[in-house]
Amino acid sequence: MTFLINPATLPFKHHARMEAVELWRTAERLVAERWAQYSTAGRNQASAAYNAYLAALDAEEAAAEQLRQLSLSKAA
């Protein structure tokens, strides 16, 4: 007996969406942490802390885009 599994079935899509949500939440927490570090950084550390904050924002944006793409594919 052969069972064929279609990767586009609901359980796999649901799992991918859950992973994307968790990735976005992690990125969101990192943004908050980096902002806290920047807001308390000394003058000599401010530039590096701000760059780390911007990088965290970029990562959050990428995670949100991935989540958006999964939501769009679900609607189609």
N, C-alpha and C. Protein backbone atom coordinates (compact mmCIF):
# COMPACT_ATOMS: atom_id res chain seq x y z
N MET A 1 0.84 -1.16 0.00
CA MET A 1 0.00 0.00 0.00
C MET A 1 0.89 1.24 0.00
N THR A 2 0.56 2.21 -0.82
CA THR A 2 1.33 3.43 -0.94
C THR A 2 0.49 4.62 -0.50
N PHE A 3 1.08 5.45 0.33
CA PHE A 3 0.42 6.68 0.74
C PHE A 3 1.20 7.85 0.16
N LEU A 4 0.51 8.68 -0.55
CA LEU A 4 1.13 9.87 -1.10
C LEU A 4 0.75 11.06 -0.23
N ILE A 5 1.74 11.83 0.12
CA ILE A 5 1.50 12.99 0.97
C ILE A 5 1.77 14.23 0.14
N ASN A 6 0.79 15.08 0.09
CA ASN A 6 0.91 16.35 -0.62
C ASN A 6 1.40 17.40 0.37
N PRO A 7 2.56 18.02 0.15
CA PRO A 7 3.07 19.00 1.11
C PRO A 7 2.20 20.25 1.20
N ALA A 8 1.27 20.42 0.30
CA ALA A 8 0.40 21.59 0.34
C ALA A 8 -0.87 21.33 1.14
N THR A 9 -0.93 20.21 1.81
CA THR A 9 -2.12 19.92 2.61
C THR A 9 -2.18 20.81 3.83
N LEU A 10 -3.34 20.92 4.41
CA LEU A 10 -3.57 21.84 5.52
C LEU A 10 -2.62 21.65 6.70
N PRO A 11 -2.37 20.45 7.19
CA PRO A 11 -1.47 20.34 8.36
C PRO A 11 -0.08 20.93 8.11
N PHE A 12 0.45 20.75 6.92
CA PHE A 12 1.77 21.28 6.62
C PHE A 12 1.73 22.80 6.50
N LYS A 13 0.69 23.33 5.88
CA LYS A 13 0.56 24.78 5.79
C LYS A 13 0.37 25.38 7.17
N HIS A 14 -0.42 24.73 7.99
CA HIS A 14 -0.66 25.23 9.34
C HIS A 14 0.65 25.24 10.13
N HIS A 15 1.43 24.18 9.99
CA HIS A 15 2.72 24.10 10.68
C HIS A 15 3.66 25.21 10.22
N ALA A 16 3.70 25.45 8.93
CA ALA A 16 4.57 26.50 8.39
C ALA A 16 4.12 27.87 8.90
N ARG A 17 2.82 28.10 8.99
CA ARG A 17 2.32 29.38 9.49
C ARG A 17 2.67 29.53 10.97
N MET A 18 2.53 28.47 11.75
CA MET A 18 2.88 28.54 13.17
C MET A 18 4.36 28.87 13.34
N GLU A 19 5.20 28.27 12.53
CA GLU A 19 6.64 28.56 12.59
C GLU A 19 6.92 30.01 12.21
N ALA A 20 6.21 30.50 11.20
CA ALA A 20 6.40 31.89 10.76
C ALA A 20 5.95 32.87 11.84
N VAL A 21 4.86 32.56 12.52
CA VAL A 21 4.39 33.42 13.60
C VAL A 21 5.41 33.44 14.74
N GLU A 22 5.93 32.28 15.07
CA GLU A 22 6.92 32.21 16.15
C GLU A 22 8.20 32.96 15.77
N LEU A 23 8.61 32.84 14.53
CA LEU A 23 9.79 33.58 14.05
C LEU A 23 9.55 35.08 14.16
N TRP A 24 8.36 35.54 13.76
CA TRP A 24 8.04 36.96 13.84
C TRP A 24 8.02 37.43 15.30
N ARG A 25 7.43 36.63 16.19
CA ARG A 25 7.40 37.00 17.60
C ARG A 25 8.80 37.10 18.20
N THR A 26 9.66 36.18 17.81
CA THR A 26 11.04 36.23 18.28
C THR A 26 11.73 37.49 17.77
N ALA A 27 11.51 37.81 16.50
CA ALA A 27 12.11 39.02 15.93
C ALA A 27 11.55 40.26 16.62
N GLU A 28 10.28 40.24 16.94
CA GLU A 28 9.66 41.37 17.63
C GLU A 28 10.29 41.59 19.02
N ARG A 29 10.52 40.49 19.73
CA ARG A 29 11.17 40.59 21.04
C ARG A 29 12.59 41.13 20.90
N LEU A 30 13.29 40.70 19.86
CA LEU A 30 14.65 41.18 19.64
C LEU A 30 14.67 42.69 19.38
N VAL A 31 13.68 43.18 18.64
CA VAL A 31 13.59 44.62 18.40
C VAL A 31 13.46 45.36 19.73
N ALA A 32 12.59 44.86 20.59
CA ALA A 32 12.39 45.51 21.90
C ALA A 32 13.68 45.48 22.72
N GLU A 33 14.38 44.35 22.70
CA GLU A 33 15.64 44.24 23.44
C GLU A 33 16.69 45.20 22.90
N ARG A 34 16.79 45.25 21.57
CA ARG A 34 17.80 46.13 20.96
C ARG A 34 17.47 47.60 21.23
N TRP A 35 16.18 47.95 21.24
CA TRP A 35 15.82 49.33 21.55
C TRP A 35 16.19 49.67 22.99
N ALA A 36 15.93 48.75 23.90
CA ALA A 36 16.28 48.97 25.31
C ALA A 36 17.80 49.15 25.45
N GLN A 37 18.56 48.35 24.72
CA GLN A 37 20.02 48.48 24.77
C GLN A 37 20.46 49.83 24.21
N TYR A 38 19.83 50.24 23.11
CA TYR A 38 20.20 51.52 22.50
C TYR A 38 19.84 52.68 23.43
N SER A 39 18.67 52.61 24.04
CA SER A 39 18.21 53.73 24.86
C SER A 39 19.03 53.88 26.14
N THR A 40 19.75 52.84 26.53
CA THR A 40 20.59 52.94 27.72
C THR A 40 22.09 52.94 27.40
N ALA A 41 22.42 52.92 26.12
CA ALA A 41 23.83 52.86 25.72
C ALA A 41 24.54 54.18 26.01
N GLY A 42 25.78 54.05 26.34
CA GLY A 42 26.61 55.24 26.52
C GLY A 42 26.97 55.84 25.18
N ARG A 43 27.58 57.00 25.23
CA ARG A 43 27.90 57.72 24.00
C ARG A 43 28.79 56.90 23.07
N ASN A 44 29.77 56.19 23.62
CA ASN A 44 30.69 55.42 22.78
C ASN A 44 30.07 54.12 22.26
N GLN A 45 28.94 53.69 22.81
CA GLN A 45 28.29 52.46 22.36
C GLN A 45 27.02 52.73 21.56
N ALA A 46 26.58 53.97 21.49
CA ALA A 46 25.30 54.31 20.87
C ALA A 46 25.24 53.92 19.39
N SER A 47 26.29 54.17 18.66
CA SER A 47 26.29 53.87 17.23
C SER A 47 26.12 52.37 16.97
N ALA A 48 26.88 51.56 17.67
CA ALA A 48 26.78 50.10 17.50
C ALA A 48 25.41 49.60 17.97
N ALA A 49 24.92 50.15 19.06
CA ALA A 49 23.60 49.73 19.57
C ALA A 49 22.50 50.11 18.58
N TYR A 50 22.61 51.28 17.98
CA TYR A 50 21.60 51.70 17.01
C TYR A 50 21.65 50.82 15.75
N ASN A 51 22.85 50.48 15.30
CA ASN A 51 22.99 49.58 14.15
C ASN A 51 22.39 48.21 14.45
N ALA A 52 22.58 47.72 15.67
CA ALA A 52 21.98 46.44 16.07
C ALA A 52 20.46 46.55 16.08
N TYR A 53 19.94 47.69 16.52
CA TYR A 53 18.50 47.92 16.51
C TYR A 53 17.96 47.92 15.08
N LEU A 54 18.65 48.59 14.17
CA LEU A 54 18.22 48.61 12.77
C LEU A 54 18.25 47.21 12.16
N ALA A 55 19.26 46.43 12.50
CA ALA A 55 19.34 45.05 12.00
C ALA A 55 18.17 44.22 12.52
N ALA A 56 17.80 44.44 13.78
CA ALA A 56 16.65 43.73 14.35
C ALA A 56 15.36 44.14 13.65
N LEU A 57 15.23 45.41 13.31
CA LEU A 57 14.05 45.86 12.56
C LEU A 57 13.99 45.19 11.19
N ASP A 58 15.13 45.08 10.55
CA ASP A 58 15.18 44.40 9.24
C ASP A 58 14.75 42.94 9.36
N ALA A 59 15.22 42.28 10.43
CA ALA A 59 14.84 40.87 10.64
C ALA A 59 13.35 40.75 10.92
N GLU A 60 12.80 41.68 11.67
CA GLU A 60 11.36 41.65 11.94
C GLU A 60 10.57 41.88 10.66
N GLU A 61 11.04 42.79 9.84
CA GLU A 61 10.37 43.05 8.56
C GLU A 61 10.38 41.81 7.67
N ALA A 62 11.50 41.11 7.63
CA ALA A 62 11.60 39.90 6.82
C ALA A 62 10.67 38.81 7.35
N ALA A 63 10.59 38.68 8.66
CA ALA A 63 9.69 37.68 9.26
C ALA A 63 8.24 38.03 8.98
N ALA A 64 7.90 39.32 9.05
CA ALA A 64 6.53 39.75 8.75
C ALA A 64 6.19 39.49 7.29
N GLU A 65 7.14 39.70 6.41
CA GLU A 65 6.92 39.44 4.98
C GLU A 65 6.69 37.95 4.74
N GLN A 66 7.45 37.11 5.40
CA GLN A 66 7.26 35.67 5.26
C GLN A 66 5.85 35.27 5.74
N LEU A 67 5.44 35.82 6.84
CA LEU A 67 4.11 35.55 7.37
C LEU A 67 3.04 36.05 6.41
N ARG A 68 3.25 37.21 5.83
CA ARG A 68 2.30 37.76 4.85
C ARG A 68 2.19 36.85 3.63
N GLN A 69 3.32 36.36 3.15
CA GLN A 69 3.30 35.48 1.98
C GLN A 69 2.52 34.19 2.28
N LEU A 70 2.73 33.64 3.48
CA LEU A 70 1.98 32.45 3.85
C LEU A 70 0.49 32.72 3.97
N SER A 71 0.14 33.89 4.46
CA SER A 71 -1.27 34.26 4.58
C SER A 71 -1.89 34.44 3.20
N LEU A 72 -1.12 35.03 2.27
CA LEU A 72 -1.63 35.19 0.91
C LEU A 72 -1.83 33.87 0.21
N SER A 73 -0.89 32.94 0.41
CA SER A 73 -1.02 31.62 -0.22
C SER A 73 -2.19 30.84 0.37
N LYS A 74 -2.50 31.09 1.63
CA LYS A 74 -3.64 30.43 2.26
C LYS A 74 -4.94 30.96 1.68
N ALA A 75 -4.98 32.26 1.36
CA ALA A 75 -6.19 32.88 0.83
C ALA A 75 -6.44 32.46 -0.62
N ALA A 76 -5.39 32.07 -1.31
CA ALA A 76 -5.55 31.71 -2.74
C ALA A 76 -6.17 30.36 -2.93
